[in-house]
């Protein structure tokens, strides 16, 4: 059974930091591309960041570039999202996602966690 369990969400003041973690089980973690998405109230789910199998390649949404950092520890089956300089507009439920790809195409379903809520006050 595939499980993705996020943690680390909570309430933070604008300008402060939070660190989210996602522990993955049930799949060979080192073979899966990992991503973070978020969904604000009344909005569609949006891409935040992703990281390649070895962690060498990362991509970020423009809205978080320079403030958020994604990382992974393949020995611990964990992907993290360090969020600095938080803004009220970062308020959302954050989800981690895992998918295995081959030459850019998904070869497995995308697996999702249950989400962790982040609220940033001004």
PDB file of N, CA and C in Angstrom:
ATOM      1  N   UNK A   1       0.850  -1.187   0.000  1.00  0.00           N
ATOM      2  CA  UNK A   1       0.000   0.000   0.000  1.00  0.00           C
ATOM      3  C   UNK A   1       0.888   1.242   0.000  1.00  0.00           C
ATOM      4  N   UNK A   2       0.604   2.146  -0.938  1.00  0.00           N
ATOM      5  CA  UNK A   2       1.390   3.365  -1.043  1.00  0.00           C
ATOM      6  C   UNK A   2       0.860   4.375  -0.034  1.00  0.00           C
ATOM      7  N   UNK A   3       1.788   4.953   0.709  1.00  0.00           N
ATOM      8  CA  UNK A   3       1.404   5.992   1.669  1.00  0.00           C
ATOM      9  C   UNK A   3       2.359   7.161   1.585  1.00  0.00           C
ATOM     10  N   UNK A   4       1.800   8.352   1.553  1.00  0.00           N
ATOM     11  CA  UNK A   4       2.564   9.582   1.637  1.00  0.00           C
ATOM     12  C   UNK A   4       1.980  10.356   2.822  1.00  0.00           C
ATOM     13  N   UNK A   5       2.820  10.652   3.789  1.00  0.00           N
ATOM     14  CA  UNK A   5       2.341  11.306   5.005  1.00  0.00           C
ATOM     15  C   UNK A   5       3.097  12.609   5.215  1.00  0.00           C
ATOM     16  N   UNK A   6       2.358  13.717   5.069  1.00  0.00           N
ATOM     17  CA  UNK A   6       2.957  15.037   5.253  1.00  0.00           C
ATOM     18  C   UNK A   6       2.866  15.468   6.712  1.00  0.00           C
ATOM     19  N   UNK A   7       3.790  16.316   7.093  1.00  0.00           N
ATOM     20  CA  UNK A   7       3.771  16.910   8.427  1.00  0.00           C
ATOM     21  C   UNK A   7       4.492  18.248   8.374  1.00  0.00           C
ATOM     22  N   UNK A   8       4.340  19.018   9.448  1.00  0.00           N
ATOM     23  CA  UNK A   8       5.072  20.273   9.557  1.00  0.00           C
ATOM     24  C   UNK A   8       4.257  21.521   9.305  1.00  0.00           C
ATOM     25  N   UNK A   9       3.018  21.355   8.898  1.00  0.00           N
ATOM     26  CA  UNK A   9       2.188  22.530   8.671  1.00  0.00           C
ATOM     27  C   UNK A   9       1.811  23.193   9.984  1.00  0.00           C
ATOM     28  N   UNK A  10       1.196  24.356   9.868  1.00  0.00           N
ATOM     29  CA  UNK A  10       0.767  25.076  11.056  1.00  0.00           C
ATOM     30  C   UNK A  10       0.561  26.535  10.742  1.00  0.00           C
ATOM     31  N   UNK A  11       0.580  27.319  11.811  1.00  0.00           N
ATOM     32  CA  UNK A  11       0.375  28.755  11.698  1.00  0.00           C
ATOM     33  C   UNK A  11       1.712  29.467  11.841  1.00  0.00           C
ATOM     34  N   UNK A  12       1.959  30.416  10.957  1.00  0.00           N
ATOM     35  CA  UNK A  12       3.193  31.196  11.012  1.00  0.00           C
ATOM     36  C   UNK A  12       2.889  32.644  10.656  1.00  0.00           C
ATOM     37  N   UNK A  13       3.678  33.529  11.193  1.00  0.00           N
ATOM     38  CA  UNK A  13       3.547  34.937  10.831  1.00  0.00           C
ATOM     39  C   UNK A  13       4.275  35.199   9.521  1.00  0.00           C
ATOM     40  N   UNK A  14       3.837  36.177   8.818  1.00  0.00           N
ATOM     41  CA  UNK A  14       4.517  36.566   7.580  1.00  0.00           C
ATOM     42  C   UNK A  14       5.978  36.873   7.875  1.00  0.00           C
ATOM     43  N   UNK A  15       6.827  36.402   6.987  1.00  0.00           N
ATOM     44  CA  UNK A  15       8.257  36.596   7.140  1.00  0.00           C
ATOM     45  C   UNK A  15       8.972  35.470   7.848  1.00  0.00           C
ATOM     46  N   UNK A  16       8.200  34.611   8.514  1.00  0.00           N
ATOM     47  CA  UNK A  16       8.809  33.498   9.238  1.00  0.00           C
ATOM     48  C   UNK A  16       8.939  32.278   8.329  1.00  0.00           C
ATOM     49  N   UNK A  17       9.373  31.163   8.917  1.00  0.00           N
ATOM     50  CA  UNK A  17       9.658  29.952   8.144  1.00  0.00           C
ATOM     51  C   UNK A  17       8.893  28.756   8.691  1.00  0.00           C
ATOM     52  N   UNK A  18       8.638  27.816   7.807  1.00  0.00           N
ATOM     53  CA  UNK A  18       8.117  26.497   8.164  1.00  0.00           C
ATOM     54  C   UNK A  18       8.833  25.469   7.307  1.00  0.00           C
ATOM     55  N   UNK A  19       8.919  24.266   7.834  1.00  0.00           N
ATOM     56  CA  UNK A  19       9.511  23.168   7.077  1.00  0.00           C
ATOM     57  C   UNK A  19       8.525  22.012   7.044  1.00  0.00           C
ATOM     58  N   UNK A  20       8.149  21.638   5.822  1.00  0.00           N
ATOM     59  CA  UNK A  20       7.239  20.507   5.622  1.00  0.00           C
ATOM     60  C   UNK A  20       8.040  19.258   5.294  1.00  0.00           C
ATOM     61  N   UNK A  21       7.537  18.127   5.753  1.00  0.00           N
ATOM     62  CA  UNK A  21       8.157  16.842   5.425  1.00  0.00           C
ATOM     63  C   UNK A  21       7.096  15.889   4.903  1.00  0.00           C
ATOM     64  N   UNK A  22       7.540  14.961   4.090  1.00  0.00           N
ATOM     65  CA  UNK A  22       6.640  13.932   3.549  1.00  0.00           C
ATOM     66  C   UNK A  22       7.398  12.613   3.553  1.00  0.00           C
ATOM     67  N   UNK A  23       6.868  11.652   4.282  1.00  0.00           N
ATOM     68  CA  UNK A  23       7.474  10.327   4.333  1.00  0.00           C
ATOM     69  C   UNK A  23       6.688   9.396   3.428  1.00  0.00           C
ATOM     70  N   UNK A  24       7.408   8.677   2.587  1.00  0.00           N
ATOM     71  CA  UNK A  24       6.780   7.823   1.573  1.00  0.00           C
ATOM     72  C   UNK A  24       7.062   6.360   1.884  1.00  0.00           C
ATOM     73  N   UNK A  25       6.055   5.531   1.759  1.00  0.00           N
ATOM     74  CA  UNK A  25       6.234   4.092   1.918  1.00  0.00           C
ATOM     75  C   UNK A  25       5.411   3.364   0.865  1.00  0.00           C
ATOM     76  N   UNK A  26       5.813   2.128   0.585  1.00  0.00           N
ATOM     77  CA  UNK A  26       5.054   1.301  -0.342  1.00  0.00           C
ATOM     78  C   UNK A  26       5.522   1.367  -1.780  1.00  0.00           C
ATOM     79  N   UNK A  27       6.495   2.236  -2.070  1.00  0.00           N
ATOM     80  CA  UNK A  27       7.084   2.325  -3.412  1.00  0.00           C
ATOM     81  C   UNK A  27       8.590   2.493  -3.240  1.00  0.00           C
ATOM     82  N   UNK A  28       9.367   2.132  -4.274  1.00  0.00           N
ATOM     83  CA  UNK A  28      10.820   2.372  -4.210  1.00  0.00           C
ATOM     84  C   UNK A  28      11.093   3.858  -4.370  1.00  0.00           C
ATOM     85  N   UNK A  29      11.218   4.535  -3.250  1.00  0.00           N
ATOM     86  CA  UNK A  29      11.237   5.992  -3.217  1.00  0.00           C
ATOM     87  C   UNK A  29      12.279   6.574  -4.168  1.00  0.00           C
ATOM     88  N   UNK A  30      13.451   6.002  -4.221  1.00  0.00           N
ATOM     89  CA  UNK A  30      14.537   6.559  -5.023  1.00  0.00           C
ATOM     90  C   UNK A  30      14.234   6.547  -6.516  1.00  0.00           C
ATOM     91  N   UNK A  31      13.208   5.838  -6.936  1.00  0.00           N
ATOM     92  CA  UNK A  31      12.840   5.762  -8.350  1.00  0.00           C
ATOM     93  C   UNK A  31      11.691   6.711  -8.705  1.00  0.00           C
ATOM     94  N   UNK A  32      11.243   7.490  -7.733  1.00  0.00           N
ATOM     95  CA  UNK A  32      10.073   8.343  -7.946  1.00  0.00           C
ATOM     96  C   UNK A  32      10.448   9.824  -7.924  1.00  0.00           C
ATOM     97  N   UNK A  33       9.937  10.544  -8.931  1.00  0.00           N
ATOM     98  CA  UNK A  33      10.009  11.993  -8.904  1.00  0.00           C
ATOM     99  C   UNK A  33       9.046  12.494  -7.836  1.00  0.00           C
ATOM    100  N   UNK A  34       9.502  13.476  -7.074  1.00  0.00           N
ATOM    101  CA  UNK A  34       8.688  13.986  -5.976  1.00  0.00           C
ATOM    102  C   UNK A  34       8.351  15.449  -6.200  1.00  0.00           C
ATOM    103  N   UNK A  35       7.151  15.816  -5.804  1.00  0.00           N
ATOM    104  CA  UNK A  35       6.688  17.186  -5.992  1.00  0.00           C
ATOM    105  C   UNK A  35       5.915  17.644  -4.772  1.00  0.00           C
ATOM    106  N   UNK A  36       5.804  18.956  -4.668  1.00  0.00           N
ATOM    107  CA  UNK A  36       4.889  19.587  -3.727  1.00  0.00           C
ATOM    108  C   UNK A  36       3.894  20.422  -4.525  1.00  0.00           C
ATOM    109  N   UNK A  37       2.645  20.318  -4.146  1.00  0.00           N
ATOM    110  CA  UNK A  37       1.573  21.131  -4.689  1.00  0.00           C
ATOM    111  C   UNK A  37       0.874  21.812  -3.518  1.00  0.00           C
ATOM    112  N   UNK A  38       0.062  22.787  -3.834  1.00  0.00           N
ATOM    113  CA  UNK A  38      -0.740  23.420  -2.781  1.00  0.00           C
ATOM    114  C   UNK A  38      -2.090  23.827  -3.345  1.00  0.00           C
ATOM    115  N   UNK A  39      -3.044  23.939  -2.442  1.00  0.00           N
ATOM    116  CA  UNK A  39      -4.390  24.356  -2.830  1.00  0.00           C
ATOM    117  C   UNK A  39      -4.912  25.326  -1.794  1.00  0.00           C
ATOM    118  N   UNK A  40      -5.113  26.546  -2.236  1.00  0.00           N
ATOM    119  CA  UNK A  40      -5.671  27.581  -1.368  1.00  0.00           C
ATOM    120  C   UNK A  40      -7.196  27.487  -1.387  1.00  0.00           C
ATOM    121  N   UNK A  41      -7.853  28.014  -0.371  1.00  0.00           N
ATOM    122  CA  UNK A  41      -9.316  27.950  -0.334  1.00  0.00           C
ATOM    123  C   UNK A  41      -9.930  28.553  -1.586  1.00  0.00           C
ATOM    124  N   UNK A  42     -10.812  27.798  -2.224  1.00  0.00           N
ATOM    125  CA  UNK A  42     -11.501  28.284  -3.401  1.00  0.00           C
ATOM    126  C   UNK A  42     -10.670  28.299  -4.663  1.00  0.00           C
ATOM    127  N   UNK A  43      -9.469  27.761  -4.585  1.00  0.00           N
ATOM    128  CA  UNK A  43      -8.578  27.780  -5.744  1.00  0.00           C
ATOM    129  C   UNK A  43      -8.285  26.356  -6.214  1.00  0.00           C
ATOM    130  N   UNK A  44      -7.712  26.280  -7.419  1.00  0.00           N
ATOM    131  CA  UNK A  44      -7.288  24.991  -7.937  1.00  0.00           C
ATOM    132  C   UNK A  44      -5.944  24.609  -7.302  1.00  0.00           C
ATOM    133  N   UNK A  45      -5.678  23.322  -7.298  1.00  0.00           N
ATOM    134  CA  UNK A  45      -4.391  22.859  -6.819  1.00  0.00           C
ATOM    135  C   UNK A  45      -3.316  23.344  -7.788  1.00  0.00           C
ATOM    136  N   UNK A  46      -2.204  23.839  -7.258  1.00  0.00           N
ATOM    137  CA  UNK A  46      -1.148  24.359  -8.110  1.00  0.00           C
ATOM    138  C   UNK A  46       0.203  23.766  -7.737  1.00  0.00           C
ATOM    139  N   UNK A  47       1.062  23.718  -8.728  1.00  0.00           N
ATOM    140  CA  UNK A  47       2.412  23.216  -8.570  1.00  0.00           C
ATOM    141  C   UNK A  47       3.237  24.183  -7.737  1.00  0.00           C
ATOM    142  N   UNK A  48       4.060  23.628  -6.848  1.00  0.00           N
ATOM    143  CA  UNK A  48       4.965  24.443  -6.040  1.00  0.00           C
ATOM    144  C   UNK A  48       6.419  24.149  -6.408  1.00  0.00           C
ATOM    145  N   UNK A  49       6.802  22.871  -6.359  1.00  0.00           N
ATOM    146  CA  UNK A  49       8.197  22.514  -6.620  1.00  0.00           C
ATOM    147  C   UNK A  49       8.282  21.030  -6.917  1.00  0.00           C
ATOM    148  N   UNK A  50       9.324  20.640  -7.653  1.00  0.00           N
ATOM    149  CA  UNK A  50       9.603  19.224  -7.805  1.00  0.00           C
ATOM    150  C   UNK A  50      11.102  18.986  -7.786  1.00  0.00           C
ATOM    151  N   UNK A  51      11.457  17.725  -7.638  1.00  0.00           N
ATOM    152  CA  UNK A  51      12.864  17.348  -7.489  1.00  0.00           C
ATOM    153  C   UNK A  51      13.090  16.015  -8.186  1.00  0.00           C
ATOM    154  N   UNK A  52      14.240  15.913  -8.843  1.00  0.00           N
ATOM    155  CA  UNK A  52      14.563  14.702  -9.585  1.00  0.00           C
ATOM    156  C   UNK A  52      14.979  13.582  -8.645  1.00  0.00           C
ATOM    157  N   UNK A  53      15.226  12.419  -9.239  1.00  0.00           N
ATOM    158  CA  UNK A  53      15.500  11.218  -8.445  1.00  0.00           C
ATOM    159  C   UNK A  53      16.689  11.392  -7.503  1.00  0.00           C
ATOM    160  N   UNK A  54      17.740  12.036  -8.005  1.00  0.00           N
ATOM    161  CA  UNK A  54      18.948  12.193  -7.181  1.00  0.00           C
ATOM    162  C   UNK A  54      18.982  13.512  -6.444  1.00  0.00           C
ATOM    163  N   UNK A  55      18.013  14.367  -6.727  1.00  0.00           N
ATOM    164  CA  UNK A  55      17.980  15.676  -6.080  1.00  0.00           C
ATOM    165  C   UNK A  55      18.778  16.745  -6.788  1.00  0.00           C
ATOM    166  N   UNK A  56      19.383  16.397  -7.909  1.00  0.00           N
ATOM    167  CA  UNK A  56      20.233  17.365  -8.617  1.00  0.00           C
ATOM    168  C   UNK A  56      19.395  18.438  -9.297  1.00  0.00           C
ATOM    169  N   UNK A  57      18.246  18.032  -9.831  1.00  0.00           N
ATOM    170  CA  UNK A  57      17.416  18.972 -10.589  1.00  0.00           C
ATOM    171  C   UNK A  57      16.177  19.325  -9.766  1.00  0.00           C
ATOM    172  N   UNK A  58      15.956  20.609  -9.611  1.00  0.00           N
ATOM    173  CA  UNK A  58      14.766  21.100  -8.924  1.00  0.00           C
ATOM    174  C   UNK A  58      14.101  22.165  -9.778  1.00  0.00           C
ATOM    175  N   UNK A  59      12.793  22.291  -9.623  1.00  0.00           N
ATOM    176  CA  UNK A  59      12.026  23.309 -10.321  1.00  0.00           C
ATOM    177  C   UNK A  59      11.054  23.938  -9.334  1.00  0.00           C
ATOM    178  N   UNK A  60      10.776  25.198  -9.553  1.00  0.00           N
ATOM    179  CA  UNK A  60       9.906  25.925  -8.632  1.00  0.00           C
ATOM    180  C   UNK A  60       8.911  26.784  -9.397  1.00  0.00           C
ATOM    181  N   UNK A  61       7.747  26.958  -8.798  1.00  0.00           N
ATOM    182  CA  UNK A  61       6.820  27.949  -9.310  1.00  0.00           C
ATOM    183  C   UNK A  61       7.426  29.336  -9.099  1.00  0.00           C
ATOM    184  N   UNK A  62       7.125  30.241  -9.996  1.00  0.00           N
ATOM    185  CA  UNK A  62       7.681  31.590  -9.883  1.00  0.00           C
ATOM    186  C   UNK A  62       7.324  32.236  -8.552  1.00  0.00           C
ATOM    187  N   UNK A  63       6.155  31.910  -8.052  1.00  0.00           N
ATOM    188  CA  UNK A  63       5.671  32.554  -6.833  1.00  0.00           C
ATOM    189  C   UNK A  63       6.478  32.176  -5.587  1.00  0.00           C
ATOM    190  N   UNK A  64       7.234  31.082  -5.660  1.00  0.00           N
ATOM    191  CA  UNK A  64       7.999  30.645  -4.479  1.00  0.00           C
ATOM    192  C   UNK A  64       9.500  30.634  -4.725  1.00  0.00           C
ATOM    193  N   UNK A  65       9.906  30.909  -5.943  1.00  0.00           N
ATOM    194  CA  UNK A  65      11.323  30.847  -6.285  1.00  0.00           C
ATOM    195  C   UNK A  65      12.116  31.808  -5.416  1.00  0.00           C
ATOM    196  N   UNK A  66      13.218  31.312  -4.864  1.00  0.00           N
ATOM    197  CA  UNK A  66      14.051  32.136  -4.007  1.00  0.00           C
ATOM    198  C   UNK A  66      13.643  32.106  -2.547  1.00  0.00           C
ATOM    199  N   UNK A  67      12.453  31.581  -2.263  1.00  0.00           N
ATOM    200  CA  UNK A  67      11.975  31.522  -0.868  1.00  0.00           C
ATOM    201  C   UNK A  67      11.830  30.079  -0.372  1.00  0.00           C
ATOM    202  N   UNK A  68      11.451  29.176  -1.270  1.00  0.00           N
ATOM    203  CA  UNK A  68      11.230  27.775  -0.902  1.00  0.00           C
ATOM    204  C   UNK A  68      12.358  26.920  -1.458  1.00  0.00           C
ATOM    205  N   UNK A  69      12.686  25.860  -0.736  1.00  0.00           N
ATOM    206  CA  UNK A  69      13.689  24.906  -1.189  1.00  0.00           C
ATOM    207  C   UNK A  69      13.180  23.490  -0.975  1.00  0.00           C
ATOM    208  N   UNK A  70      13.179  22.724  -2.056  1.00  0.00           N
ATOM    209  CA  UNK A  70      12.786  21.319  -1.970  1.00  0.00           C
ATOM    210  C   UNK A  70      14.043  20.469  -1.864  1.00  0.00           C
ATOM    211  N   UNK A  71      13.959  19.402  -1.082  1.00  0.00           N
ATOM    212  CA  UNK A  71      15.092  18.490  -0.933  1.00  0.00           C
ATOM    213  C   UNK A  71      14.555  17.091  -0.689  1.00  0.00           C
ATOM    214  N   UNK A  72      15.411  16.104  -0.846  1.00  0.00           N
ATOM    215  CA  UNK A  72      14.998  14.729  -0.593  1.00  0.00           C
ATOM    216  C   UNK A  72      16.134  13.959   0.054  1.00  0.00           C
ATOM    217  N   UNK A  73      15.758  12.962   0.842  1.00  0.00           N
ATOM    218  CA  UNK A  73      16.703  12.054   1.465  1.00  0.00           C
ATOM    219  C   UNK A  73      16.260  10.646   1.097  1.00  0.00           C
ATOM    220  N   UNK A  74      16.926  10.069   0.120  1.00  0.00           N
ATOM    221  CA  UNK A  74      16.508   8.749  -0.360  1.00  0.00           C
ATOM    222  C   UNK A  74      16.736   7.653   0.677  1.00  0.00           C
ATOM    223  N   UNK A  75      17.643   7.877   1.602  1.00  0.00           N
ATOM    224  CA  UNK A  75      17.879   6.881   2.655  1.00  0.00           C
ATOM    225  C   UNK A  75      16.723   6.853   3.657  1.00  0.00           C
ATOM    226  N   UNK A  76      16.006   7.981   3.757  1.00  0.00           N
ATOM    227  CA  UNK A  76      14.909   8.071   4.719  1.00  0.00           C
ATOM    228  C   UNK A  76      13.541   8.140   4.046  1.00  0.00           C
ATOM    229  N   UNK A  77      13.515   7.976   2.719  1.00  0.00           N
ATOM    230  CA  UNK A  77      12.247   8.021   1.977  1.00  0.00           C
ATOM    231  C   UNK A  77      11.462   9.304   2.277  1.00  0.00           C
ATOM    232  N   UNK A  78      12.174  10.398   2.313  1.00  0.00           N
ATOM    233  CA  UNK A  78      11.561  11.659   2.733  1.00  0.00           C
ATOM    234  C   UNK A  78      11.860  12.776   1.740  1.00  0.00           C
ATOM    235  N   UNK A  79      10.856  13.588   1.501  1.00  0.00           N
ATOM    236  CA  UNK A  79      11.027  14.819   0.743  1.00  0.00           C
ATOM    237  C   UNK A  79      10.591  15.968   1.638  1.00  0.00           C
ATOM    238  N   UNK A  80      11.324  17.060   1.574  1.00  0.00           N
ATOM    239  CA  UNK A  80      11.041  18.199   2.445  1.00  0.00           C
ATOM    240  C   UNK A  80      10.829  19.458   1.618  1.00  0.00           C
ATOM    241  N   UNK A  81      10.148  20.408   2.224  1.00  0.00           N
ATOM    242  CA  UNK A  81       9.971  21.721   1.608  1.00  0.00           C
ATOM    243  C   UNK A  81      10.263  22.764   2.688  1.00  0.00           C
ATOM    244  N   UNK A  82      11.382  23.434   2.545  1.00  0.00           N
ATOM    245  CA  UNK A  82      11.746  24.521   3.450  1.00  0.00           C
ATOM    246  C   UNK A  82      11.129  25.798   2.908  1.00  0.00           C
ATOM    247  N   UNK A  83      10.298  26.434   3.708  1.00  0.00           N
ATOM    248  CA  UNK A  83       9.576  27.624   3.264  1.00  0.00           C
ATOM    249  C   UNK A  83      10.024  28.804   4.122  1.00  0.00           C
ATOM    250  N   UNK A  84      10.714  29.725   3.487  1.00  0.00           N
ATOM    251  CA  UNK A  84      11.205  30.926   4.177  1.00  0.00           C
ATOM    252  C   UNK A  84      10.457  32.155   3.675  1.00  0.00           C
ATOM    253  N   UNK A  85      10.568  33.220   4.431  1.00  0.00           N
ATOM    254  CA  UNK A  85       9.938  34.489   4.043  1.00  0.00           C
ATOM    255  C   UNK A  85       8.484  34.282   3.646  1.00  0.00           C
ATOM    256  N   UNK A  86       7.761  33.600   4.485  1.00  0.00           N
ATOM    257  CA  UNK A  86       6.376  33.266   4.170  1.00  0.00           C
ATOM    258  C   UNK A  86       5.519  34.506   3.992  1.00  0.00           C
ATOM    259  N   UNK A  87       4.550  34.393   3.105  1.00  0.00           N
ATOM    260  CA  UNK A  87       3.609  35.467   2.818  1.00  0.00           C
ATOM    261  C   UNK A  87       2.191  34.956   3.072  1.00  0.00           C
ATOM    262  N   UNK A  88       1.258  35.853   3.357  1.00  0.00           N
ATOM    263  CA  UNK A  88      -0.131  35.410   3.535  1.00  0.00           C
ATOM    264  C   UNK A  88      -0.655  34.625   2.340  1.00  0.00           C
ATOM    265  N   UNK A  89      -0.201  34.953   1.160  1.00  0.00           N
ATOM    266  CA  UNK A  89      -0.672  34.236  -0.032  1.00  0.00           C
ATOM    267  C   UNK A  89      -0.110  32.819  -0.146  1.00  0.00           C
ATOM    268  N   UNK A  90       0.787  32.442   0.759  1.00  0.00           N
ATOM    269  CA  UNK A  90       1.245  31.056   0.811  1.00  0.00           C
ATOM    270  C   UNK A  90       0.269  30.164   1.589  1.00  0.00           C
ATOM    271  N   UNK A  91      -0.740  30.762   2.181  1.00  0.00           N
ATOM    272  CA  UNK A  91      -1.735  30.002   2.933  1.00  0.00           C
ATOM    273  C   UNK A  91      -2.437  29.010   2.014  1.00  0.00           C
ATOM    274  N   UNK A  92      -2.378  27.725   2.384  1.00  0.00           N
ATOM    275  CA  UNK A  92      -2.943  26.664   1.553  1.00  0.00           C
ATOM    276  C   UNK A  92      -2.766  25.325   2.268  1.00  0.00           C
ATOM    277  N   UNK A  93      -3.392  24.328   1.712  1.00  0.00           N
ATOM    278  CA  UNK A  93      -3.073  22.950   2.087  1.00  0.00           C
ATOM    279  C   UNK A  93      -1.988  22.477   1.130  1.00  0.00           C
ATOM    280  N   UNK A  94      -0.918  21.946   1.694  1.00  0.00           N
ATOM    281  CA  UNK A  94       0.224  21.506   0.904  1.00  0.00           C
ATOM    282  C   UNK A  94       0.221  19.984   0.798  1.00  0.00           C
ATOM    283  N   UNK A  95       0.416  19.515  -0.421  1.00  0.00           N
ATOM    284  CA  UNK A  95       0.394  18.083  -0.708  1.00  0.00           C
ATOM    285  C   UNK A  95       1.715  17.655  -1.318  1.00  0.00           C
ATOM    286  N   UNK A  96       2.211  16.512  -0.912  1.00  0.00           N
ATOM    287  CA  UNK A  96       3.330  15.936  -1.651  1.00  0.00           C
ATOM    288  C   UNK A  96       2.778  14.895  -2.625  1.00  0.00           C
ATOM    289  N   UNK A  97       3.508  14.688  -3.684  1.00  0.00           N
ATOM    290  CA  UNK A  97       3.081  13.773  -4.741  1.00  0.00           C
ATOM    291  C   UNK A  97       4.286  12.989  -5.236  1.00  0.00           C
ATOM    292  N   UNK A  98       4.030  11.744  -5.608  1.00  0.00           N
ATOM    293  CA  UNK A  98       5.080  10.865  -6.108  1.00  0.00           C
ATOM    294  C   UNK A  98       4.623  10.241  -7.408  1.00  0.00           C
ATOM    295  N   UNK A  99       5.489  10.229  -8.385  1.00  0.00           N
ATOM    296  CA  UNK A  99       5.187   9.586  -9.664  1.00  0.00           C
ATOM    297  C   UNK A  99       6.492   9.067 -10.253  1.00  0.00           C
ATOM    298  N   UNK A 100       6.395   7.936 -10.903  1.00  0.00           N
ATOM    299  CA  UNK A 100       7.566   7.399 -11.595  1.00  0.00           C
ATOM    300  C   UNK A 100       7.441   7.745 -13.066  1.00  0.00           C
ATOM    301  N   UNK A 101       8.490   8.258 -13.630  1.00  0.00           N
ATOM    302  CA  UNK A 101       8.451   8.670 -15.028  1.00  0.00           C
ATOM    303  C   UNK A 101       9.549   7.984 -15.817  1.00  0.00           C
ATOM    304  N   UNK A 102       9.347   7.952 -17.120  1.00  0.00           N
ATOM    305  CA  UNK A 102      10.345   7.438 -18.049  1.00  0.00           C
ATOM    306  C   UNK A 102      10.364   8.380 -19.240  1.00  0.00           C
ATOM    307  N   UNK A 103      11.466   9.058 -19.409  1.00  0.00           N
ATOM    308  CA  UNK A 103      11.621  10.034 -20.508  1.00  0.00           C
ATOM    309  C   UNK A 103      10.496  11.062 -20.454  1.00  0.00           C
ATOM    310  N   UNK A 104      10.169  11.482 -19.260  1.00  0.00           N
ATOM    311  CA  UNK A 104       9.195  12.552 -19.096  1.00  0.00           C
ATOM    312  C   UNK A 104       7.754  12.121 -19.036  1.00  0.00           C
ATOM    313  N   UNK A 105       7.471  10.857 -19.288  1.00  0.00           N
ATOM    314  CA  UNK A 105       6.094  10.373 -19.262  1.00  0.00           C
ATOM    315  C   UNK A 105       5.859   9.540 -18.012  1.00  0.00           C
ATOM    316  N   UNK A 106       4.704   9.734 -17.388  1.00  0.00           N
ATOM    317  CA  UNK A 106       4.379   8.979 -16.185  1.00  0.00           C
ATOM    318  C   UNK A 106       4.157   7.511 -16.538  1.00  0.00           C
ATOM    319  N   UNK A 107       4.743   6.633 -15.755  1.00  0.00           N
ATOM    320  CA  UNK A 107       4.538   5.199 -15.956  1.00  0.00           C
ATOM    321  C   UNK A 107       3.825   4.575 -14.758  1.00  0.00           C
ATOM    322  N   UNK A 108       3.466   5.403 -13.794  1.00  0.00           N
ATOM    323  CA  UNK A 108       2.653   4.962 -12.665  1.00  0.00           C
ATOM    324  C   UNK A 108       1.598   6.030 -12.415  1.00  0.00           C
ATOM    325  N   UNK A 109       0.596   5.712 -11.633  1.00  0.00           N
ATOM    326  CA  UNK A 109      -0.297   6.792 -11.187  1.00  0.00           C
ATOM    327  C   UNK A 109       0.481   7.785 -10.326  1.00  0.00           C
ATOM    328  N   UNK A 110      -0.062   8.974 -10.186  1.00  0.00           N
ATOM    329  CA  UNK A 110       0.503   9.916  -9.219  1.00  0.00           C
ATOM    330  C   UNK A 110      -0.124   9.640  -7.863  1.00  0.00           C
ATOM    331  N   UNK A 111       0.732   9.426  -6.893  1.00  0.00           N
ATOM    332  CA  UNK A 111       0.269   9.167  -5.534  1.00  0.00           C
ATOM    333  C   UNK A 111       0.334  10.464  -4.732  1.00  0.00           C
ATOM    334  N   UNK A 112      -0.692  10.689  -3.919  1.00  0.00           N
ATOM    335  CA  UNK A 112      -0.821  11.928  -3.159  1.00  0.00           C
ATOM    336  C   UNK A 112      -0.903  11.655  -1.664  1.00  0.00           C
ATOM    337  N   UNK A 113      -0.373  12.607  -0.909  1.00  0.00           N
ATOM    338  CA  UNK A 113      -0.590  12.566   0.521  1.00  0.00           C
ATOM    339  C   UNK A 113      -1.928  13.192   0.873  1.00  0.00           C
ATOM    340  N   UNK A 114      -2.201  13.225   2.150  1.00  0.00           N
ATOM    341  CA  UNK A 114      -3.489  13.753   2.611  1.00  0.00           C
ATOM    342  C   UNK A 114      -3.449  15.270   2.784  1.00  0.00           C
ATOM    343  N   UNK A 115      -2.264  15.831   2.761  1.00  0.00           N
ATOM    344  CA  UNK A 115      -2.115  17.280   2.865  1.00  0.00           C
ATOM    345  C   UNK A 115      -1.837  17.749   4.280  1.00  0.00           C
ATOM    346  N   UNK A 116      -1.151  18.875   4.356  1.00  0.00           N
ATOM    347  CA  UNK A 116      -0.902  19.528   5.644  1.00  0.00           C
ATOM    348  C   UNK A 116      -1.187  21.015   5.458  1.00  0.00           C
ATOM    349  N   UNK A 117      -1.904  21.581   6.415  1.00  0.00           N
ATOM    350  CA  UNK A 117      -2.384  22.959   6.254  1.00  0.00           C
ATOM    351  C   UNK A 117      -1.344  23.950   6.755  1.00  0.00           C
ATOM    352  N   UNK A 118      -1.128  24.964   5.927  1.00  0.00           N
ATOM    353  CA  UNK A 118      -0.232  26.080   6.281  1.00  0.00           C
ATOM    354  C   UNK A 118      -1.052  27.360   6.264  1.00  0.00           C
ATOM    355  N   UNK A 119      -1.001  28.093   7.360  1.00  0.00           N
ATOM    356  CA  UNK A 119      -1.690  29.379   7.451  1.00  0.00           C
ATOM    357  C   UNK A 119      -0.674  30.445   7.827  1.00  0.00           C
ATOM    358  N   UNK A 120      -0.619  31.473   6.997  1.00  0.00           N
ATOM    359  CA  UNK A 120       0.331  32.563   7.226  1.00  0.00           C
ATOM    360  C   UNK A 120      -0.449  33.827   7.542  1.00  0.00           C
ATOM    361  N   UNK A 121      -0.192  34.383   8.695  1.00  0.00           N
ATOM    362  CA  UNK A 121      -0.888  35.596   9.108  1.00  0.00           C
ATOM    363  C   UNK A 121      -0.031  36.819   8.809  1.00  0.00           C
ATOM    364  N   UNK A 122      -0.718  37.905   8.537  1.00  0.00           N
ATOM    365  CA  UNK A 122       0.005  39.141   8.188  1.00  0.00           C
ATOM    366  C   UNK A 122       0.343  39.956   9.424  1.00  0.00           C
TER     367      UNK A 122
END
